[in-house]
C-alpha atoms as a PDB file:
ATOM      1  CA  MET A   1     -19.840 -57.077  66.225  1.00  0.00           C
ATOM      2  CA  ALA A   2     -18.842 -53.756  65.308  1.00  0.00           C
ATOM      3  CA  ASP A   3     -21.192 -50.804  65.592  1.00  0.00           C
ATOM      4  CA  PRO A   4     -21.990 -49.338  62.068  1.00  0.00           C
ATOM      5  CA  ASP A   5     -22.234 -46.157  63.765  1.00  0.00           C
ATOM      6  CA  PRO A   6     -18.994 -44.139  63.742  1.00  0.00           C
ATOM      7  CA  VAL A   7     -19.923 -42.533  67.033  1.00  0.00           C
ATOM      8  CA  ASN A   8     -17.762 -44.238  69.641  1.00  0.00           C
ATOM      9  CA  ALA A   9     -19.176 -44.991  73.132  1.00  0.00           C
ATOM     10  CA  ALA A  10     -18.656 -41.830  74.626  1.00  0.00           C
ATOM     11  CA  GLY A  11     -20.810 -40.172  71.804  1.00  0.00           C
ATOM     12  CA  ARG A  12     -17.895 -38.403  70.094  1.00  0.00           C
ATOM     13  CA  ASP A  13     -18.111 -38.325  66.378  1.00  0.00           C
ATOM     14  CA  LEU A  14     -14.866 -40.280  64.907  1.00  0.00           C
ATOM     15  CA  THR A  15     -14.967 -38.480  61.466  1.00  0.00           C
ATOM     16  CA  THR A  16     -14.950 -34.988  62.615  1.00  0.00           C
ATOM     17  CA  PRO A  17     -11.337 -34.444  62.789  1.00  0.00           C
ATOM     18  CA  THR A  18     -10.872 -36.138  59.414  1.00  0.00           C
ATOM     19  CA  LEU A  19     -13.985 -34.456  57.642  1.00  0.00           C
ATOM     20  CA  GLN A  20     -12.320 -31.094  59.079  1.00  0.00           C
ATOM     21  CA  ARG A  21      -9.174 -31.764  57.656  1.00  0.00           C
ATOM     22  CA  LEU A  22     -10.278 -32.718  54.185  1.00  0.00           C
ATOM     23  CA  CYS A  23     -12.116 -29.349  53.970  1.00  0.00           C
ATOM     24  CA  ALA A  24      -9.502 -27.690  55.365  1.00  0.00           C
ATOM     25  CA  GLU A  25      -7.328 -29.393  52.252  1.00  0.00           C
ATOM     26  CA  LEU A  26      -9.921 -28.497  50.195  1.00  0.00           C
ATOM     27  CA  ILE A  27      -9.994 -24.830  50.884  1.00  0.00           C
ATOM     28  CA  THR A  28      -6.356 -24.723  50.540  1.00  0.00           C
ATOM     29  CA  LEU A  29      -6.565 -26.527  47.184  1.00  0.00           C
ATOM     30  CA  ARG A  30      -9.298 -23.882  46.262  1.00  0.00           C
ATOM     31  CA  GLU A  31      -7.224 -20.964  47.233  1.00  0.00           C
ATOM     32  CA  ARG A  32      -3.890 -22.139  45.400  1.00  0.00           C
ATOM     33  CA  ASN A  33      -5.996 -22.895  42.604  1.00  0.00           C
ATOM     34  CA  ASP A  34      -7.978 -19.646  42.292  1.00  0.00           C
ATOM     35  CA  ARG A  35      -4.521 -17.886  43.013  1.00  0.00           C
ATOM     36  CA  GLN A  36      -2.640 -19.713  40.468  1.00  0.00           C
ATOM     37  CA  HIS A  37      -5.695 -18.985  38.141  1.00  0.00           C
ATOM     38  CA  LYS A  38      -5.334 -15.467  38.854  1.00  0.00           C
ATOM     39  CA  LEU A  39      -1.762 -15.504  38.107  1.00  0.00           C
ATOM     40  CA  TYR A  40      -2.564 -17.505  34.819  1.00  0.00           C
ATOM     41  CA  GLU A  41      -4.918 -14.603  33.551  1.00  0.00           C
ATOM     42  CA  GLN A  42      -2.784 -11.696  34.695  1.00  0.00           C
ATOM     43  CA  THR A  43       0.307 -13.733  32.604  1.00  0.00           C
ATOM     44  CA  LEU A  44      -2.384 -14.298  29.653  1.00  0.00           C
ATOM     45  CA  ALA A  45      -2.979 -10.778  29.710  1.00  0.00           C
ATOM     46  CA  GLN A  46       0.333  -9.271  29.674  1.00  0.00           C
ATOM     47  CA  VAL A  47       1.342 -11.854  26.696  1.00  0.00           C
ATOM     48  CA  ARG A  48      -1.862 -10.623  25.085  1.00  0.00           C
ATOM     49  CA  ASP A  49      -0.870  -7.144  25.501  1.00  0.00           C
ATOM     50  CA  ASP A  50       2.459  -7.601  24.860  1.00  0.00           C
ATOM     51  CA  LEU A  51       1.346  -9.247  21.308  1.00  0.00           C
ATOM     52  CA  ARG A  52      -0.912  -6.241  20.679  1.00  0.00           C
ATOM     53  CA  ALA A  53       2.074  -3.870  21.063  1.00  0.00           C
ATOM     54  CA  SER A  54       4.281  -6.205  18.867  1.00  0.00           C
ATOM     55  CA  PHE A  55       1.863  -6.406  16.497  1.00  0.00           C
ATOM     56  CA  GLY A  56       0.891  -3.011  16.434  1.00  0.00           C
ATOM     57  CA  GLN A  57       4.662  -2.248  15.912  1.00  0.00           C
ATOM     58  CA  PHE A  58       4.975  -4.764  13.263  1.00  0.00           C
ATOM     59  CA  ALA A  59       2.117  -3.091  11.572  1.00  0.00           C
ATOM     60  CA  ALA A  60       3.249   0.262  11.999  1.00  0.00           C
ATOM     61  CA  ASP A  61       6.951  -0.634  10.328  1.00  0.00           C
ATOM     62  CA  ALA A  62       5.485  -2.435   7.486  1.00  0.00           C
ATOM     63  CA  GLN A  63       3.392   0.622   6.620  1.00  0.00           C
ATOM     64  CA  HIS A  64       6.245   3.007   7.000  1.00  0.00           C
ATOM     65  CA  ALA A  65       8.647   0.464   4.831  1.00  0.00           C
ATOM     66  CA  TYR A  66       5.574   0.242   2.151  1.00  0.00           C
ATOM     67  CA  GLN A  67       5.327   3.855   2.431  1.00  0.00           C
ATOM     68  CA  ARG A  68       9.063   3.972   1.429  1.00  0.00           C
ATOM     69  CA  LEU A  69       9.326   1.885  -1.112  1.00  0.00           C
ATOM     70  CA  ARG A  70       6.230   3.347  -2.561  1.00  0.00           C
ATOM     71  CA  ASP A  71       8.066   6.584  -2.809  1.00  0.00           C
ATOM     72  CA  GLU A  72      11.330   5.281  -3.792  1.00  0.00           C
ATOM     73  CA  LEU A  73       9.419   3.350  -7.029  1.00  0.00           C
ATOM     74  CA  THR A  74       7.371   6.578  -7.690  1.00  0.00           C
ATOM     75  CA  GLY A  75      10.870   8.743  -7.800  1.00  0.00           C
ATOM     76  CA  GLU A  76      12.163   6.318 -10.267  1.00  0.00           C
ATOM     77  CA  LYS A  77       9.444   5.947 -12.445  1.00  0.00           C
ATOM     78  CA  ARG A  78       9.486   9.651 -12.410  1.00  0.00           C
ATOM     79  CA  HIS A  79      13.234   9.814 -12.846  1.00  0.00           C
ATOM     80  CA  SER A  80      12.741   6.952 -15.611  1.00  0.00           C
ATOM     81  CA  LEU A  81       9.880   8.740 -17.259  1.00  0.00           C
ATOM     82  CA  ALA A  82      11.805  12.419 -17.682  1.00  0.00           C
ATOM     83  CA  LEU A  83      14.826  10.194 -19.102  1.00  0.00           C
ATOM     84  CA  LEU A  84      12.877   8.682 -21.585  1.00  0.00           C
ATOM     85  CA  ASN A  85      11.081  11.503 -22.705  1.00  0.00           C
ATOM     86  CA  ALA A  86      14.419  13.190 -23.146  1.00  0.00           C
ATOM     87  CA  LEU A  87      15.785  10.652 -24.869  1.00  0.00           C
ATOM     88  CA  LEU A  88      12.540  10.703 -26.902  1.00  0.00           C
ATOM     89  CA  GLU A  89      13.207  14.152 -27.729  1.00  0.00           C
ATOM     90  CA  LEU A  90      16.413  13.618 -28.538  1.00  0.00           C
ATOM     91  CA  ALA A  91      15.891  10.494 -31.168  1.00  0.00           C
ATOM     92  CA  THR A  92      12.729  12.949 -32.566  1.00  0.00           C
ATOM     93  CA  ASP A  93      15.278  15.762 -33.031  1.00  0.00           C
ATOM     94  CA  LEU A  94      17.869  13.616 -34.844  1.00  0.00           C
ATOM     95  CA  GLU A  95      15.337  12.167 -37.267  1.00  0.00           C
ATOM     96  CA  ARG A  96      14.276  15.508 -37.857  1.00  0.00           C
ATOM     97  CA  VAL A  97      17.476  16.589 -38.729  1.00  0.00           C
ATOM     98  CA  SER A  98      18.431  13.413 -40.771  1.00  0.00           C
ATOM     99  CA  ALA A  99      15.218  13.412 -42.596  1.00  0.00           C
ATOM    100  CA  ALA A 100      16.137  17.312 -43.586  1.00  0.00           C
ATOM    101  CA  ARG A 101      19.635  16.619 -45.372  1.00  0.00           C
ATOM    102  CA  PRO A 102      19.860  18.100 -48.470  1.00  0.00           C
ATOM    103  CA  PRO A 103      21.560  15.811 -51.561  1.00  0.00           C
ATOM    104  CA  LEU A 104      24.520  15.001 -51.258  1.00  0.00           C
ATOM    105  CA  ASP A 105      25.805  15.253 -54.955  1.00  0.00           C
ATOM    106  CA  GLY A 106      28.481  17.289 -55.026  1.00  0.00           C
ATOM    107  CA  ALA A 107      29.095  18.548 -51.499  1.00  0.00           C
ATOM    108  CA  ALA A 108      32.285  18.497 -49.744  1.00  0.00           C
ATOM    109  CA  PRO A 109      33.448  15.334 -47.851  1.00  0.00           C
ATOM    110  CA  ALA A 110      33.148  17.291 -44.277  1.00  0.00           C
ATOM    111  CA  VAL A 111      29.737  17.770 -45.357  1.00  0.00           C
ATOM    112  CA  ALA A 112      28.916  14.358 -46.389  1.00  0.00           C
ATOM    113  CA  GLY A 113      30.431  12.589 -43.291  1.00  0.00           C
ATOM    114  CA  TRP A 114      28.529  15.424 -40.870  1.00  0.00           C
ATOM    115  CA  ALA A 115      25.287  13.743 -42.812  1.00  0.00           C
ATOM    116  CA  GLU A 116      26.183  10.138 -42.462  1.00  0.00           C
ATOM    117  CA  GLY A 117      27.394  10.939 -38.652  1.00  0.00           C
ATOM    118  CA  VAL A 118      23.733  12.564 -38.096  1.00  0.00           C
ATOM    119  CA  ALA A 119      21.930   9.374 -39.705  1.00  0.00           C
ATOM    120  CA  VAL A 120      24.128   6.883 -37.466  1.00  0.00           C
ATOM    121  CA  ALA A 121      23.254   8.892 -34.287  1.00  0.00           C
ATOM    122  CA  THR A 122      19.555   8.585 -35.383  1.00  0.00           C
ATOM    123  CA  ARG A 123      19.973   5.069 -35.797  1.00  0.00           C
ATOM    124  CA  LYS A 124      21.342   4.460 -32.500  1.00  0.00           C
ATOM    125  CA  ALA A 125      18.817   6.697 -30.640  1.00  0.00           C
ATOM    126  CA  GLN A 126      15.900   4.719 -32.223  1.00  0.00           C
ATOM    127  CA  ALA A 127      17.808   1.203 -31.500  1.00  0.00           C
ATOM    128  CA  VAL A 128      18.173   2.462 -27.867  1.00  0.00           C
ATOM    129  CA  LEU A 129      14.540   3.451 -27.306  1.00  0.00           C
ATOM    130  CA  ALA A 130      13.924  -0.160 -29.137  1.00  0.00           C
ATOM    131  CA  GLN A 131      15.812  -1.820 -26.090  1.00  0.00           C
ATOM    132  CA  LEU A 132      14.119   0.109 -23.469  1.00  0.00           C
ATOM    133  CA  GLY A 133      10.637  -0.978 -25.073  1.00  0.00           C
ATOM    134  CA  VAL A 134       9.608   2.024 -26.715  1.00  0.00           C
ATOM    135  CA  HIS A 135       7.751   1.585 -29.758  1.00  0.00           C
ATOM    136  CA  ARG A 136       6.163   4.156 -32.393  1.00  0.00           C
ATOM    137  CA  TYR A 137       2.548   3.944 -33.274  1.00  0.00           C
ATOM    138  CA  ASP A 138       0.785   6.438 -35.908  1.00  0.00           C
ATOM    139  CA  ALA A 139      -2.782   7.538 -35.260  1.00  0.00           C
ATOM    140  CA  VAL A 140      -5.143   6.052 -37.782  1.00  0.00           C
ATOM    141  CA  VAL A 141      -6.811   8.455 -39.917  1.00  0.00           C
ATOM    142  CA  GLY A 142     -10.661   8.406 -39.808  1.00  0.00           C
ATOM    143  CA  SER A 143     -10.741   6.631 -36.454  1.00  0.00           C
ATOM    144  CA  ALA A 144     -12.270   8.337 -33.367  1.00  0.00           C
ATOM    145  CA  TYR A 145     -10.326  11.408 -31.594  1.00  0.00           C
ATOM    146  CA  GLU A 146      -9.092   9.772 -28.031  1.00  0.00           C
ATOM    147  CA  PRO A 147      -7.367  12.127 -25.912  1.00  0.00           C
ATOM    148  CA  ALA A 148      -5.667   9.597 -24.459  1.00  0.00           C
ATOM    149  CA  LEU A 149      -3.335   8.508 -27.338  1.00  0.00           C
ATOM    150  CA  HIS A 150      -3.732  11.689 -29.133  1.00  0.00           C
ATOM    151  CA  GLU A 151      -2.752  15.519 -29.042  1.00  0.00           C
ATOM    152  CA  ARG A 152      -5.036  17.762 -30.939  1.00  0.00           C
ATOM    153  CA  VAL A 153      -3.085  20.332 -32.605  1.00  0.00           C
ATOM    154  CA  GLY A 154      -5.457  21.731 -34.844  1.00  0.00           C
ATOM    155  CA  SER A 155      -8.672  20.936 -37.248  1.00  0.00           C
ATOM    156  CA  ARG A 156      -9.319  21.207 -40.789  1.00  0.00           C
ATOM    157  CA  PRO A 157     -12.859  20.118 -42.882  1.00  0.00           C
ATOM    158  CA  ALA A 158     -12.299  16.592 -44.155  1.00  0.00           C
ATOM    159  CA  GLU A 159     -14.593  15.083 -46.737  1.00  0.00           C
ATOM    160  CA  GLY A 160     -16.487  11.852 -45.929  1.00  0.00           C
ATOM    161  CA  MET A 161     -15.739  12.522 -42.033  1.00  0.00           C
ATOM    162  CA  GLY A 162     -17.877  13.401 -39.179  1.00  0.00           C
ATOM    163  CA  PRO A 163     -16.725  15.609 -36.505  1.00  0.00           C
ATOM    164  CA  LEU A 164     -14.008  14.563 -34.018  1.00  0.00           C
ATOM    165  CA  ARG A 165     -12.327  12.135 -36.517  1.00  0.00           C
ATOM    166  CA  VAL A 166      -8.498  12.169 -36.593  1.00  0.00           C
ATOM    167  CA  ALA A 167      -7.909  13.618 -40.385  1.00  0.00           C
ATOM    168  CA  ALA A 168      -4.320  13.628 -40.282  1.00  0.00           C
ATOM    169  CA  GLN A 169      -1.343  12.571 -38.289  1.00  0.00           C
ATOM    170  CA  VAL A 170       1.254  15.782 -37.970  1.00  0.00           C
ATOM    171  CA  GLU A 171       3.502  13.476 -35.550  1.00  0.00           C
ATOM    172  CA  PRO A 172       3.219  10.154 -34.525  1.00  0.00           C
ATOM    173  CA  GLY A 173       3.454   9.222 -30.576  1.00  0.00           C
ATOM    174  CA  TYR A 174       5.448   7.012 -28.639  1.00  0.00           C
ATOM    175  CA  ALA A 175       4.485   4.440 -25.830  1.00  0.00           C
ATOM    176  CA  SER A 176       6.247   2.111 -23.740  1.00  0.00           C
ATOM    177  CA  GLN A 177       5.720  -2.066 -23.760  1.00  0.00           C
ATOM    178  CA  GLN A 178       2.936  -1.914 -21.214  1.00  0.00           C
ATOM    179  CA  PRO A 179      -0.382  -1.150 -22.788  1.00  0.00           C
ATOM    180  CA  ASP A 180      -1.487   1.918 -22.066  1.00  0.00           C
ATOM    181  CA  PHE A 181       1.355   3.762 -21.272  1.00  0.00           C
ATOM    182  CA  VAL A 182       1.990   6.919 -23.312  1.00  0.00           C
ATOM    183  CA  LEU A 183       4.781   8.763 -23.104  1.00  0.00           C
ATOM    184  CA  ARG A 184       4.095  10.951 -26.180  1.00  0.00           C
ATOM    185  CA  ARG A 185       0.530  11.142 -27.701  1.00  0.00           C
ATOM    186  CA  ALA A 186       0.767  11.315 -31.470  1.00  0.00           C
ATOM    187  CA  LYS A 187       0.094  14.711 -32.725  1.00  0.00           C
ATOM    188  CA  VAL A 188      -2.967  14.908 -34.942  1.00  0.00           C
ATOM    189  CA  LEU A 189      -5.124  17.247 -37.082  1.00  0.00           C
ATOM    190  CA  ILE A 190      -8.959  16.806 -36.206  1.00  0.00           C
ATOM    191  CA  SER A 191     -11.940  16.746 -38.499  1.00  0.00           C
ATOM    192  CA  GLU A 192     -14.425  19.793 -38.064  1.00  0.00           C
END
């Protein structure tokens, strides 16, 4: 029967070279695992740094594009507002000229034609303003004075009204279709 003890008759341990080889293989495997882990960590750190840099560049580019777009829109709004105000001024002037037209009884045909041309130009200007969404609004007499909607051009005593009320409208106001966007405030007289 075989001896269960792995020691042979000479007294040598039979498992020592196998155990040494196994330990050497484990050490080699562990070292290789450590190297791979370090390489993985380095690669991961590099990818993380690259992603951070890439995201930082993306964020800077997006911010720059947003700022440029905002500047363009602000410039376009400013330009559009200036054009609308110029058109509004012309339409208001044409309306005043048309309203001041004297009676045409016995007037020369040239004067009558001129007066009709001014009336047509006034209607065209008002139609263009309407197409652009600009509408006229009137101040309500007796309502509270609101600087956002009313431009104070003077004051006068008004019976039955307290102070700082709209006593009379001198000129109408104009606003765009957007609420709270007033192009020109209504010119009003305020009660004392």
